[in-house]
Amino acid sequence: MKSDQNLQETYGRYKNLVPGNCKLLFGAQYALLRPEFIDARKKARIRNGNVNNILIFFGGTDLTNETEKAINALQNLPLNNFSATIIVGRNNPYRSQIETLCMQFSNFSYRCQVDNIAELMVHSDLAIGAGGTTAWERCAMGLPSIMISVANNQDSICSYLQKAGAAFFLGKQEFVSA
């Protein structure tokens, strides 16, 4: 059995790589999720459109520092009654700078290399992130998202999720500002 959660045409990609009797499972319905998401999904809730808790996560490295861009965008909003959980991976080259930035705001919580992201998603009303693996995790949790594509292979995923009503796609990172 071979699974591929990507959206692009995949049958041709595997034609000569797997035996003819191999069952091929393609598409978002076969997204690979860690068990924590299966368990947390039972606690997921229907959101009412009010945004009080925002989750920002752009993957483990975030080489283009989209996290800081998102923080700056939130600070420019005329909103006072929201909290934001900012998650970065330990390999994020900007993690110290992001932590320092978060400390300037009482409603921002900085977290590095978490192991409970599904639980944090349950308690969030909106996520801001990229179109990689975490996009499928947000979908599994029913978490509305604002997405920025940080790699070419994320463009079609972001567009697809916007068309499906699961996310709002701002565009490629080089064309998105705070």
C-alpha atoms as a PDB file:
ATOM      1  CA  MET A   1       0.000   0.000   0.000  1.00  0.00           C
ATOM      2  CA  LYS A   2       1.289   3.485  -0.889  1.00  0.00           C
ATOM      3  CA  SER A   3      -0.202   6.724   0.485  1.00  0.00           C
ATOM      4  CA  ASP A   4       0.333  10.235  -0.903  1.00  0.00           C
ATOM      5  CA  GLN A   5      -1.615  13.133   0.649  1.00  0.00           C
ATOM      6  CA  ASN A   6      -0.617  15.662  -1.994  1.00  0.00           C
ATOM      7  CA  LEU A   7      -3.162  17.126  -4.385  1.00  0.00           C
ATOM      8  CA  GLN A   8      -1.336  17.016  -7.690  1.00  0.00           C
ATOM      9  CA  GLU A   9      -1.766  14.117 -10.106  1.00  0.00           C
ATOM     10  CA  THR A  10       0.031  11.254  -8.431  1.00  0.00           C
ATOM     11  CA  TYR A  11      -0.784   8.035 -10.275  1.00  0.00           C
ATOM     12  CA  GLY A  12       1.874   8.699 -12.898  1.00  0.00           C
ATOM     13  CA  ARG A  13       4.452   9.438 -10.223  1.00  0.00           C
ATOM     14  CA  TYR A  14       4.220   5.879  -8.897  1.00  0.00           C
ATOM     15  CA  LYS A  15       3.486   3.932 -12.093  1.00  0.00           C
ATOM     16  CA  ASN A  16       6.872   2.174 -12.287  1.00  0.00           C
ATOM     17  CA  LEU A  17       7.777   2.438  -8.621  1.00  0.00           C
ATOM     18  CA  VAL A  18       5.249   0.094  -7.011  1.00  0.00           C
ATOM     19  CA  PRO A  19       3.974  -3.375  -7.911  1.00  0.00           C
ATOM     20  CA  GLY A  20       0.828  -3.482 -10.044  1.00  0.00           C
ATOM     21  CA  ASN A  21      -1.170  -5.044  -7.208  1.00  0.00           C
ATOM     22  CA  CYS A  22      -0.234  -2.266  -4.761  1.00  0.00           C
ATOM     23  CA  LYS A  23      -3.244  -0.345  -3.462  1.00  0.00           C
ATOM     24  CA  LEU A  24      -2.694   3.365  -4.046  1.00  0.00           C
ATOM     25  CA  LEU A  25      -4.277   5.863  -1.647  1.00  0.00           C
ATOM     26  CA  PHE A  26      -4.113   9.401  -2.999  1.00  0.00           C
ATOM     27  CA  GLY A  27      -5.424  12.741  -1.839  1.00  0.00           C
ATOM     28  CA  ALA A  28      -6.204  14.708   1.274  1.00  0.00           C
ATOM     29  CA  GLN A  29      -8.483  12.004   2.689  1.00  0.00           C
ATOM     30  CA  TYR A  30      -5.309   9.947   3.237  1.00  0.00           C
ATOM     31  CA  ALA A  31      -3.360  12.661   5.025  1.00  0.00           C
ATOM     32  CA  LEU A  32      -0.967  11.146   7.521  1.00  0.00           C
ATOM     33  CA  LEU A  33      -1.733  12.420  11.009  1.00  0.00           C
ATOM     34  CA  ARG A  34      -0.123  11.634  14.337  1.00  0.00           C
ATOM     35  CA  PRO A  35      -2.372   9.877  16.876  1.00  0.00           C
ATOM     36  CA  GLU A  36      -2.632  13.070  18.964  1.00  0.00           C
ATOM     37  CA  PHE A  37      -4.845  14.546  16.221  1.00  0.00           C
ATOM     38  CA  ILE A  38      -7.200  11.580  16.220  1.00  0.00           C
ATOM     39  CA  ASP A  39      -7.649  11.949  19.989  1.00  0.00           C
ATOM     40  CA  ALA A  40      -7.882  15.759  19.968  1.00  0.00           C
ATOM     41  CA  ARG A  41     -10.418  15.722  17.126  1.00  0.00           C
ATOM     42  CA  LYS A  42     -12.908  14.218  19.591  1.00  0.00           C
ATOM     43  CA  LYS A  43     -12.588  17.468  21.598  1.00  0.00           C
ATOM     44  CA  ALA A  44     -12.733  19.773  18.571  1.00  0.00           C
ATOM     45  CA  ARG A  45     -15.596  22.225  18.483  1.00  0.00           C
ATOM     46  CA  ILE A  46     -17.593  24.078  15.912  1.00  0.00           C
ATOM     47  CA  ARG A  47     -16.310  27.620  15.957  1.00  0.00           C
ATOM     48  CA  ASN A  48     -18.803  30.498  16.012  1.00  0.00           C
ATOM     49  CA  GLY A  49     -16.752  33.055  14.086  1.00  0.00           C
ATOM     50  CA  ASN A  50     -15.516  34.942  17.134  1.00  0.00           C
ATOM     51  CA  VAL A  51     -11.734  35.141  17.147  1.00  0.00           C
ATOM     52  CA  ASN A  52     -10.310  35.335  20.641  1.00  0.00           C
ATOM     53  CA  ASN A  53      -7.468  32.798  20.449  1.00  0.00           C
ATOM     54  CA  ILE A  54      -5.080  32.827  17.500  1.00  0.00           C
ATOM     55  CA  LEU A  55      -2.428  30.203  16.803  1.00  0.00           C
ATOM     56  CA  ILE A  56       0.602  31.120  14.682  1.00  0.00           C
ATOM     57  CA  PHE A  57       2.873  28.348  13.407  1.00  0.00           C
ATOM     58  CA  PHE A  58       4.896  28.257  10.200  1.00  0.00           C
ATOM     59  CA  GLY A  59       6.647  24.938  10.646  1.00  0.00           C
ATOM     60  CA  GLY A  60       9.851  23.886  12.306  1.00  0.00           C
ATOM     61  CA  THR A  61      12.263  26.220  10.543  1.00  0.00           C
ATOM     62  CA  ASP A  62      10.339  29.146   8.957  1.00  0.00           C
ATOM     63  CA  LEU A  63      13.371  30.335   6.994  1.00  0.00           C
ATOM     64  CA  THR A  64      11.569  33.418   5.643  1.00  0.00           C
ATOM     65  CA  ASN A  65      10.360  34.485   9.115  1.00  0.00           C
ATOM     66  CA  GLU A  66       6.657  34.508   8.330  1.00  0.00           C
ATOM     67  CA  THR A  67       6.049  34.200  12.073  1.00  0.00           C
ATOM     68  CA  GLU A  68       7.328  37.706  12.721  1.00  0.00           C
ATOM     69  CA  LYS A  69       5.315  38.999   9.759  1.00  0.00           C
ATOM     70  CA  ALA A  70       2.157  37.510  11.305  1.00  0.00           C
ATOM     71  CA  ILE A  71       2.950  38.971  14.745  1.00  0.00           C
ATOM     72  CA  ASN A  72       3.423  42.412  13.193  1.00  0.00           C
ATOM     73  CA  ALA A  73       0.150  42.065  11.304  1.00  0.00           C
ATOM     74  CA  LEU A  74      -1.747  41.245  14.497  1.00  0.00           C
ATOM     75  CA  GLN A  75      -0.226  44.205  16.297  1.00  0.00           C
ATOM     76  CA  ASN A  76      -1.457  46.499  13.528  1.00  0.00           C
ATOM     77  CA  LEU A  77      -5.066  45.403  14.030  1.00  0.00           C
ATOM     78  CA  PRO A  78      -7.387  47.612  16.099  1.00  0.00           C
ATOM     79  CA  LEU A  79      -8.184  44.657  18.380  1.00  0.00           C
ATOM     80  CA  ASN A  80      -7.299  44.379  22.030  1.00  0.00           C
ATOM     81  CA  ASN A  81      -9.188  41.376  23.325  1.00  0.00           C
ATOM     82  CA  PHE A  82      -7.403  38.461  21.695  1.00  0.00           C
ATOM     83  CA  SER A  83      -4.574  36.184  22.701  1.00  0.00           C
ATOM     84  CA  ALA A  84      -2.034  34.658  20.371  1.00  0.00           C
ATOM     85  CA  THR A  85       0.003  31.514  20.838  1.00  0.00           C
ATOM     86  CA  ILE A  86       3.180  31.694  18.810  1.00  0.00           C
ATOM     87  CA  ILE A  87       4.902  28.373  18.128  1.00  0.00           C
ATOM     88  CA  VAL A  88       8.354  27.981  16.620  1.00  0.00           C
ATOM     89  CA  GLY A  89      10.519  24.941  16.100  1.00  0.00           C
ATOM     90  CA  ARG A  90      13.917  24.578  17.724  1.00  0.00           C
ATOM     91  CA  ASN A  91      15.525  24.909  14.258  1.00  0.00           C
ATOM     92  CA  ASN A  92      13.923  28.281  13.601  1.00  0.00           C
ATOM     93  CA  PRO A  93      16.835  30.691  13.042  1.00  0.00           C
ATOM     94  CA  TYR A  94      14.703  33.595  14.306  1.00  0.00           C
ATOM     95  CA  ARG A  95      13.421  31.963  17.491  1.00  0.00           C
ATOM     96  CA  SER A  96      15.283  34.275  19.929  1.00  0.00           C
ATOM     97  CA  GLN A  97      14.128  37.360  18.071  1.00  0.00           C
ATOM     98  CA  ILE A  98      10.538  36.060  18.003  1.00  0.00           C
ATOM     99  CA  GLU A  99      10.639  35.261  21.711  1.00  0.00           C
ATOM    100  CA  THR A 100      11.873  38.785  22.462  1.00  0.00           C
ATOM    101  CA  LEU A 101       9.127  40.252  20.274  1.00  0.00           C
ATOM    102  CA  CYS A 102       6.443  38.173  22.011  1.00  0.00           C
ATOM    103  CA  MET A 103       7.604  39.345  25.443  1.00  0.00           C
ATOM    104  CA  GLN A 104       6.649  42.894  24.446  1.00  0.00           C
ATOM    105  CA  PHE A 105       2.968  41.984  24.346  1.00  0.00           C
ATOM    106  CA  SER A 106       1.005  40.626  27.294  1.00  0.00           C
ATOM    107  CA  ASN A 107      -1.458  38.808  25.035  1.00  0.00           C
ATOM    108  CA  PHE A 108       1.230  36.819  23.170  1.00  0.00           C
ATOM    109  CA  SER A 109       2.466  33.465  24.406  1.00  0.00           C
ATOM    110  CA  TYR A 110       5.734  32.103  22.990  1.00  0.00           C
ATOM    111  CA  ARG A 111       6.276  28.349  22.719  1.00  0.00           C
ATOM    112  CA  CYS A 112       9.207  26.470  21.232  1.00  0.00           C
ATOM    113  CA  GLN A 113       9.125  22.859  20.003  1.00  0.00           C
ATOM    114  CA  VAL A 114       5.773  21.866  21.440  1.00  0.00           C
ATOM    115  CA  ASP A 115       4.487  18.318  21.632  1.00  0.00           C
ATOM    116  CA  ASN A 116       0.822  19.269  22.124  1.00  0.00           C
ATOM    117  CA  ILE A 117      -0.026  21.250  19.010  1.00  0.00           C
ATOM    118  CA  ALA A 118      -3.298  19.356  18.534  1.00  0.00           C
ATOM    119  CA  GLU A 119      -4.434  20.436  22.000  1.00  0.00           C
ATOM    120  CA  LEU A 120      -3.441  24.032  21.235  1.00  0.00           C
ATOM    121  CA  MET A 121      -5.478  23.845  18.020  1.00  0.00           C
ATOM    122  CA  VAL A 122      -8.541  22.689  19.954  1.00  0.00           C
ATOM    123  CA  HIS A 123      -8.419  25.890  22.004  1.00  0.00           C
ATOM    124  CA  SER A 124      -7.785  28.197  19.028  1.00  0.00           C
ATOM    125  CA  ASP A 125     -10.351  30.061  16.961  1.00  0.00           C
ATOM    126  CA  LEU A 126      -8.046  30.841  14.037  1.00  0.00           C
ATOM    127  CA  ALA A 127      -4.633  29.733  12.823  1.00  0.00           C
ATOM    128  CA  ILE A 128      -2.089  31.560  10.712  1.00  0.00           C
ATOM    129  CA  GLY A 129       0.402  29.295   9.011  1.00  0.00           C
ATOM    130  CA  ALA A 130       1.907  27.730   5.924  1.00  0.00           C
ATOM    131  CA  GLY A 131       0.540  25.169   3.500  1.00  0.00           C
ATOM    132  CA  GLY A 132       2.617  22.176   4.550  1.00  0.00           C
ATOM    133  CA  THR A 133       1.750  19.201   6.740  1.00  0.00           C
ATOM    134  CA  THR A 134       0.262  21.417   9.428  1.00  0.00           C
ATOM    135  CA  ALA A 135      -2.398  22.554   6.940  1.00  0.00           C
ATOM    136  CA  TRP A 136      -3.845  19.012   6.993  1.00  0.00           C
ATOM    137  CA  GLU A 137      -3.603  18.942  10.789  1.00  0.00           C
ATOM    138  CA  ARG A 138      -5.563  22.206  11.015  1.00  0.00           C
ATOM    139  CA  CYS A 139      -8.189  20.775   8.668  1.00  0.00           C
ATOM    140  CA  ALA A 140      -8.491  17.623  10.770  1.00  0.00           C
ATOM    141  CA  MET A 141      -9.164  19.867  13.768  1.00  0.00           C
ATOM    142  CA  GLY A 142     -11.672  22.024  11.890  1.00  0.00           C
ATOM    143  CA  LEU A 143      -9.517  25.068  12.606  1.00  0.00           C
ATOM    144  CA  PRO A 144     -10.074  27.984  10.187  1.00  0.00           C
ATOM    145  CA  SER A 145      -6.799  29.256   8.784  1.00  0.00           C
ATOM    146  CA  ILE A 146      -5.088  32.113   7.075  1.00  0.00           C
ATOM    147  CA  MET A 147      -2.351  30.616   4.937  1.00  0.00           C
ATOM    148  CA  ILE A 148       0.803  31.802   3.250  1.00  0.00           C
ATOM    149  CA  SER A 149       2.622  29.550   0.813  1.00  0.00           C
ATOM    150  CA  VAL A 150       6.299  29.286   1.769  1.00  0.00           C
ATOM    151  CA  ALA A 151       7.273  26.739  -0.910  1.00  0.00           C
ATOM    152  CA  ASN A 152       6.178  26.080  -4.495  1.00  0.00           C
ATOM    153  CA  ASN A 153       4.678  22.704  -3.575  1.00  0.00           C
ATOM    154  CA  GLN A 154       2.293  24.478  -1.162  1.00  0.00           C
ATOM    155  CA  ASP A 155       0.620  26.715  -3.752  1.00  0.00           C
ATOM    156  CA  SER A 156      -1.886  24.117  -4.968  1.00  0.00           C
ATOM    157  CA  ILE A 157      -2.652  22.968  -1.414  1.00  0.00           C
ATOM    158  CA  CYS A 158      -3.361  26.531  -0.276  1.00  0.00           C
ATOM    159  CA  SER A 159      -5.532  27.226  -3.336  1.00  0.00           C
ATOM    160  CA  TYR A 160      -7.428  23.959  -2.884  1.00  0.00           C
ATOM    161  CA  LEU A 161      -8.116  24.640   0.805  1.00  0.00           C
ATOM    162  CA  GLN A 162      -9.360  28.137  -0.005  1.00  0.00           C
ATOM    163  CA  LYS A 163     -11.734  26.769  -2.679  1.00  0.00           C
ATOM    164  CA  ALA A 164     -12.959  24.193  -0.157  1.00  0.00           C
ATOM    165  CA  GLY A 165     -13.700  26.963   2.367  1.00  0.00           C
ATOM    166  CA  ALA A 166     -11.172  25.620   4.876  1.00  0.00           C
ATOM    167  CA  ALA A 167      -8.715  28.500   4.668  1.00  0.00           C
ATOM    168  CA  PHE A 168      -8.044  31.955   3.324  1.00  0.00           C
ATOM    169  CA  PHE A 169      -4.945  31.957   1.104  1.00  0.00           C
ATOM    170  CA  LEU A 170      -3.033  35.246   1.178  1.00  0.00           C
ATOM    171  CA  GLY A 171      -0.509  34.185  -1.475  1.00  0.00           C
ATOM    172  CA  LYS A 172       3.158  33.328  -1.804  1.00  0.00           C
ATOM    173  CA  GLN A 173       5.351  34.577   1.040  1.00  0.00           C
ATOM    174  CA  GLU A 174       7.339  36.936  -1.181  1.00  0.00           C
ATOM    175  CA  PHE A 175       4.132  38.815  -2.070  1.00  0.00           C
ATOM    176  CA  VAL A 176       2.658  38.997   1.447  1.00  0.00           C
ATOM    177  CA  SER A 177       3.507  41.719   3.930  1.00  0.00           C
ATOM    178  CA  ALA A 178       2.326  42.408   7.449  1.00  0.00           C
END
